[in-house]
Amino acid sequence: MHRRTFLMGSLGLTAATVTSPASATATRARAVRARTLDELRKAIAAAKPGAEIVLANGTYAIPGDQTVAVGGKHGTAAAPITVRAESVGGVTLNGNNGFALADSSYVVIDGFKLRQQTTFEVPTTCQHIRVSRNDIQLGDSEGSHWVMVRGDATVVERNHFHGKSTLGVFLGVEGPGSDGMARGVRIARNYFSDHTYAGDNGGEPIRLGLSGRSLSDAGATVEENLFERCDGDPEAVSVKSTGNTIRHNTIRNSLGGIVLRHGNRSRVDANFLLAGSNGIRIYGNDHLIVNNYVEQITGSGIVLGSGSVRDHKPEDSPESRRGNDAPDRVTIALNTVQSCGTAISGESQRPLPPLGCSIADNLLIGDAGKQLVSMPYLDGIAFAGNICWGAASDGTIPAGGSTRKDPKLATGSDGVRRLTAGSPAIDAASTSYPSVTRDLDDHPRTGRADVGADEYSKATPHSRPLQPEDVGPASR
């Protein structure tokens, strides 16, 4: 690739008819084409709603402390301002800094290879920013976070985060002050791979909040992302805020799992956790854990934690919220957990047990020498309708909380084991779940639910374990 290194040289801006790479069906639009960093800056400064600014393919070094400023720029929902590479992955931006966003809305950053040394930030003064189809591998300095989102309604989609070996997260979401959270962030169709930090913690691919922000309602959606070889932290998706949805993600061959570490009222729905070390772990109140498929996790497939405190309160200082909040009113239902170290377990290292929790209508399958359930605290948990199978013992599941029956599963072409006709799991749920209207495959749940993550159907699954080609910059 021809290398371009520019300071403040000036060439005339060119208007060209180009097709956005973001969609094969995109309508041709009149775009401003930039061939230098200075032209790019001028085009951004002049941009109005609907503007499309295209940087010619090449490698550009941003000198010293300079940036590519995007300040005071406001598109609209129907006419965003788009700044993109000529082709996806065709532009590499090197240097200490990169794009510097401030006081902007409805702006799209699309298709770049981002290689800056400092954090890419979406500050609180920005809203409705879209970071799309970028290859993100920033400076690998100790303690650096690569992307930090603090602006409401930010969308981070179809990017590839990869190749970090030091302390720091790929993608963090925070918010205003010391206890606020950005609202309505969406993280979708990204590929997170190869975080190899070897410390005890601090290398999360996604971190939604911090302990001091845990009572702030973020309303984030994390969906259809793929995580592979994410070994920088036991938490691949670390939730430390309230009111989030984690759905249809695939975590494969990774140390990290999905952890509701702080906060309340989150939903973990229809995720695949495959051939890794950690499954789903839960603290806090009023969470819903449904439709998940957890297989070949060396630890426990699902952990219902214990607490050092019960119920963080708004009047507590942010610093006081670091303790583990004992789970209250958590529902763990309609999941399939198989061939794990333990299917469902608790914790005994903290004094406060779960209260008012339900573990119901899960399909639990285990291997010889294992046990399916290992719960040190039972009084605060209601077990019902679970189906146990395999050579593993039932463990500490109370009498009446399960039956032992062959669920009659068959392995599909995607490697997922689903119900077959005549399975005793069909229409066997112990209760109704009005808020659970679809299953792991994104098929409707009709009538009385089937036990486990799969609702029996002859239809082709709409959702399956994700592969690299399904996500990231080149995905459709």
Foldseek 3Di string as FASTA:
>chain_A
DDADEDEQDDDDKDWDFAADQPDPPGDTDTAIEDAALNSQLVCLVPDAFQHEYEYEFHEYEHDDPDESENELYEYDPVGAYEYEYSHAARYEYEYQYYYDYAQYERYEYDRYAYAHAAAAEAAQNYEHYEYYQYEFDYRQDAPGEHYEYAHAQYEYFQAEQEDHAHFYEPYEFEYPDQAETHAAYEYEQYEYEYHRHDDAARYAPYEYYDLLNAAYAHQYEYEHYEYAARERYQANYEYRYENYEYEQYEYEAYSHEHEPQGHEAYEYAQYEYYQYAEAYEYFEEDYEYAQYEYENHAAENYEQEFWQAADDDPVDGSVVRNTTHHYEAYEHFQAEAEAYQEHYEYDDPHDGHYAQYEYWLAEFEYEAPHEHYYYPDDPRYHAAHYEYEYNHHPYPDDPHRYYYDDQCWDADPLRDTAGDPPGPQALRTPDDDVVCQAASLRHGADDRGGRHRDHDDPDDRNGGHDDPQCGHNNHD
